[in-house]
N, C-alpha and C. Protein backbone atom coordinates (compact mmCIF):
# COMPACT_ATOMS: atom_id res chain seq x y z
N GLN A 1 64.42 52.25 101.03
CA GLN A 1 65.57 51.43 100.80
C GLN A 1 65.11 50.19 100.04
N VAL A 2 65.90 49.78 99.08
CA VAL A 2 65.54 48.61 98.27
C VAL A 2 66.71 47.62 98.29
N LEU A 3 66.39 46.38 98.61
CA LEU A 3 67.39 45.30 98.62
C LEU A 3 66.96 44.23 97.64
N ASP A 4 67.91 43.47 97.12
CA ASP A 4 67.62 42.35 96.23
C ASP A 4 67.32 41.11 97.06
N THR A 5 66.34 40.32 96.62
CA THR A 5 66.06 39.03 97.25
C THR A 5 65.77 38.01 96.16
N LYS A 6 65.92 36.76 96.51
CA LYS A 6 65.52 35.70 95.59
C LYS A 6 65.19 34.46 96.41
N ASP A 7 63.93 34.07 96.34
CA ASP A 7 63.46 32.85 97.00
C ASP A 7 63.73 32.84 98.50
N VAL A 8 63.47 33.98 99.16
CA VAL A 8 63.51 34.02 100.61
C VAL A 8 62.16 34.51 101.12
N GLN A 9 61.81 34.11 102.33
CA GLN A 9 60.58 34.55 102.96
C GLN A 9 60.98 35.52 104.08
N VAL A 10 60.45 36.73 104.06
CA VAL A 10 60.77 37.74 105.07
C VAL A 10 59.61 37.83 106.05
N PHE A 11 59.93 37.77 107.33
CA PHE A 11 58.90 37.81 108.37
C PHE A 11 58.81 39.18 109.04
N LYS A 12 59.95 39.83 109.23
CA LYS A 12 59.97 41.09 109.98
C LYS A 12 61.22 41.88 109.61
N VAL A 13 61.07 43.22 109.59
CA VAL A 13 62.21 44.12 109.37
C VAL A 13 62.18 45.17 110.47
N THR A 14 63.34 45.40 111.09
CA THR A 14 63.45 46.48 112.06
C THR A 14 64.61 47.38 111.66
N VAL A 15 64.49 48.65 112.01
CA VAL A 15 65.57 49.61 111.79
C VAL A 15 65.81 50.31 113.13
N ASN A 16 67.02 50.19 113.63
CA ASN A 16 67.37 50.71 114.96
C ASN A 16 66.37 50.25 116.02
N GLY A 17 65.94 49.01 115.91
CA GLY A 17 65.03 48.42 116.88
C GLY A 17 63.56 48.72 116.69
N GLN A 18 63.22 49.55 115.71
CA GLN A 18 61.82 49.90 115.45
C GLN A 18 61.30 49.10 114.26
N ASP A 19 60.05 48.62 114.36
CA ASP A 19 59.46 47.89 113.24
C ASP A 19 59.39 48.78 112.01
N ALA A 20 59.74 48.20 110.87
CA ALA A 20 59.68 48.93 109.60
C ALA A 20 58.71 48.22 108.67
N LYS A 21 58.00 48.98 107.85
CA LYS A 21 57.12 48.40 106.85
C LYS A 21 57.96 47.93 105.67
N PHE A 22 57.53 46.84 105.05
CA PHE A 22 58.25 46.34 103.87
C PHE A 22 57.26 45.68 102.93
N ILE A 23 57.59 45.73 101.64
CA ILE A 23 56.81 45.06 100.60
C ILE A 23 57.79 44.49 99.58
N PHE A 24 57.31 43.52 98.84
CA PHE A 24 58.10 42.98 97.73
C PHE A 24 57.62 43.62 96.45
N GLY A 25 58.57 43.99 95.59
CA GLY A 25 58.22 44.54 94.29
C GLY A 25 57.95 43.41 93.30
N GLU A 26 57.91 43.76 92.05
CA GLU A 26 57.61 42.79 90.99
C GLU A 26 58.77 41.82 90.80
N LYS A 27 58.45 40.54 90.77
CA LYS A 27 59.46 39.48 90.63
C LYS A 27 60.01 39.47 89.21
N HIS A 28 61.32 39.31 89.09
CA HIS A 28 62.01 39.17 87.81
C HIS A 28 62.57 37.76 87.76
N ASN A 29 62.45 37.08 86.62
CA ASN A 29 62.79 35.65 86.58
C ASN A 29 64.23 35.33 86.94
N PHE A 30 65.23 36.15 86.61
CA PHE A 30 66.59 35.81 87.01
C PHE A 30 67.21 36.83 87.95
N LYS A 31 66.67 38.03 88.04
CA LYS A 31 67.22 39.02 88.96
C LYS A 31 66.67 38.88 90.37
N GLY A 32 65.53 38.26 90.53
CA GLY A 32 64.93 38.10 91.85
C GLY A 32 63.81 39.10 92.07
N THR A 33 63.59 39.43 93.35
CA THR A 33 62.48 40.29 93.74
C THR A 33 63.01 41.40 94.65
N PRO A 34 62.70 42.67 94.34
CA PRO A 34 63.15 43.74 95.22
C PRO A 34 62.37 43.74 96.53
N LEU A 35 63.07 43.94 97.63
CA LEU A 35 62.46 44.10 98.95
C LEU A 35 62.55 45.59 99.28
N GLU A 36 61.39 46.23 99.32
CA GLU A 36 61.33 47.68 99.55
C GLU A 36 61.01 47.94 101.02
N ILE A 37 61.91 48.62 101.72
CA ILE A 37 61.77 48.89 103.15
C ILE A 37 61.51 50.37 103.36
N THR A 38 60.46 50.68 104.12
CA THR A 38 60.16 52.06 104.50
C THR A 38 60.69 52.28 105.91
N LEU A 39 61.62 53.21 106.06
CA LEU A 39 62.20 53.49 107.37
C LEU A 39 61.13 54.05 108.30
N PRO A 40 61.14 53.66 109.58
CA PRO A 40 60.12 54.13 110.51
C PRO A 40 60.40 55.54 111.06
N PHE A 41 61.42 56.19 110.53
CA PHE A 41 61.78 57.54 110.98
C PHE A 41 62.55 58.24 109.86
N GLU A 42 62.65 59.53 109.95
CA GLU A 42 63.42 60.32 108.99
C GLU A 42 64.90 60.11 109.28
N LEU A 43 65.66 59.74 108.28
CA LEU A 43 67.09 59.50 108.45
C LEU A 43 67.84 60.80 108.22
N ARG A 44 68.60 61.22 109.23
CA ARG A 44 69.38 62.45 109.12
C ARG A 44 70.76 62.14 108.56
N ARG A 45 71.35 63.11 107.93
CA ARG A 45 72.70 62.96 107.36
C ARG A 45 73.67 62.53 108.47
N GLY A 46 74.41 61.46 108.22
CA GLY A 46 75.38 60.96 109.18
C GLY A 46 74.80 60.04 110.24
N GLN A 47 73.49 59.87 110.26
CA GLN A 47 72.86 59.00 111.26
C GLN A 47 73.07 57.54 110.89
N GLU A 48 73.38 56.72 111.87
CA GLU A 48 73.56 55.30 111.65
C GLU A 48 72.21 54.60 111.66
N ALA A 49 72.03 53.66 110.75
CA ALA A 49 70.80 52.86 110.72
C ALA A 49 71.19 51.40 110.66
N ILE A 50 70.74 50.65 111.64
CA ILE A 50 71.00 49.21 111.69
C ILE A 50 69.72 48.50 111.26
N VAL A 51 69.79 47.83 110.12
CA VAL A 51 68.63 47.13 109.56
C VAL A 51 68.76 45.64 109.89
N GLU A 52 67.73 45.09 110.54
CA GLU A 52 67.69 43.67 110.85
C GLU A 52 66.50 43.05 110.13
N ILE A 53 66.77 41.95 109.44
CA ILE A 53 65.73 41.28 108.65
C ILE A 53 65.60 39.85 109.14
N SER A 54 64.40 39.49 109.59
CA SER A 54 64.11 38.12 109.99
C SER A 54 63.58 37.40 108.75
N PHE A 55 64.30 36.38 108.31
CA PHE A 55 63.93 35.72 107.06
C PHE A 55 64.23 34.24 107.12
N GLU A 56 63.72 33.54 106.14
CA GLU A 56 64.00 32.12 105.98
C GLU A 56 64.40 31.88 104.54
N SER A 57 65.51 31.20 104.35
CA SER A 57 65.95 30.88 102.99
C SER A 57 65.47 29.47 102.64
N SER A 58 65.67 29.10 101.39
CA SER A 58 65.30 27.76 100.93
C SER A 58 66.42 27.24 100.06
N PRO A 59 66.41 25.96 99.75
CA PRO A 59 67.44 25.43 98.85
C PRO A 59 67.45 26.12 97.48
N LYS A 60 66.32 26.75 97.09
CA LYS A 60 66.25 27.47 95.81
C LYS A 60 66.87 28.86 95.90
N SER A 61 67.23 29.32 97.10
CA SER A 61 67.77 30.67 97.28
C SER A 61 69.18 30.73 96.69
N SER A 62 69.25 31.03 95.41
CA SER A 62 70.55 31.04 94.74
C SER A 62 71.41 32.18 95.27
N ALA A 63 72.70 31.96 95.23
CA ALA A 63 73.72 32.93 95.65
C ALA A 63 73.80 33.11 97.16
N LEU A 64 73.00 32.39 97.94
CA LEU A 64 73.15 32.40 99.39
C LEU A 64 73.92 31.15 99.78
N GLN A 65 74.94 31.34 100.57
CA GLN A 65 75.73 30.19 101.01
C GLN A 65 75.91 30.25 102.52
N TRP A 66 75.86 29.10 103.14
CA TRP A 66 75.99 28.98 104.59
C TRP A 66 77.29 28.28 104.93
N PHE A 67 77.95 28.79 105.96
CA PHE A 67 79.06 28.06 106.59
C PHE A 67 78.50 27.48 107.88
N SER A 68 78.79 26.22 108.13
CA SER A 68 78.41 25.62 109.41
C SER A 68 79.31 26.23 110.50
N PRO A 69 78.93 26.11 111.77
CA PRO A 69 79.78 26.67 112.82
C PRO A 69 81.23 26.15 112.74
N GLU A 70 81.39 24.89 112.37
CA GLU A 70 82.74 24.31 112.28
C GLU A 70 83.59 24.97 111.19
N GLN A 71 82.96 25.58 110.19
CA GLN A 71 83.68 26.22 109.09
C GLN A 71 84.07 27.66 109.39
N THR A 72 83.62 28.21 110.52
CA THR A 72 83.91 29.60 110.86
C THR A 72 85.10 29.68 111.81
N SER A 73 85.67 30.86 111.94
CA SER A 73 86.84 31.03 112.80
C SER A 73 86.49 30.83 114.28
N GLY A 74 85.29 31.25 114.70
CA GLY A 74 84.90 31.11 116.10
C GLY A 74 84.35 29.75 116.45
N LYS A 75 83.94 28.99 115.43
CA LYS A 75 83.41 27.63 115.59
C LYS A 75 82.15 27.55 116.44
N LYS A 76 81.42 28.70 116.65
CA LYS A 76 80.23 28.69 117.51
C LYS A 76 78.94 28.95 116.76
N HIS A 77 78.98 29.76 115.70
CA HIS A 77 77.76 30.17 115.01
C HIS A 77 77.88 29.94 113.51
N PRO A 78 76.76 29.61 112.84
CA PRO A 78 76.80 29.51 111.38
C PRO A 78 76.96 30.91 110.78
N PHE A 79 77.35 30.98 109.52
CA PHE A 79 77.56 32.26 108.85
C PHE A 79 76.92 32.22 107.48
N LEU A 80 76.12 33.24 107.15
CA LEU A 80 75.46 33.35 105.85
C LEU A 80 76.12 34.46 105.06
N PHE A 81 76.40 34.21 103.80
CA PHE A 81 76.90 35.29 102.95
C PHE A 81 76.27 35.18 101.57
N SER A 82 76.29 36.30 100.87
CA SER A 82 75.66 36.40 99.55
C SER A 82 76.72 36.79 98.52
N GLN A 83 76.57 36.24 97.34
CA GLN A 83 77.44 36.63 96.24
C GLN A 83 76.76 37.65 95.33
N CYS A 84 75.62 38.15 95.73
CA CYS A 84 74.86 39.10 94.91
C CYS A 84 74.75 40.47 95.58
N GLN A 85 75.82 40.95 96.15
CA GLN A 85 75.78 42.21 96.89
C GLN A 85 75.24 43.31 96.01
């Protein structure tokens, strides 16, 4: 699986609760850096996979925007979204 990243630091990736291996591909100056994730198991057709990524963003992380808890409907947790889906 390959995801787009830009100026984020990734610490850990899990898939369905299992640690997954990951590497960064070659950085591109405006497209960012691909994050390549190797699933820790064979994925069967129709099987659900929940990918969790522990990361840290920076002020340089373009296209990532944060809502403070006060800006969300529940008013309890911050919310991160990306415009580079």
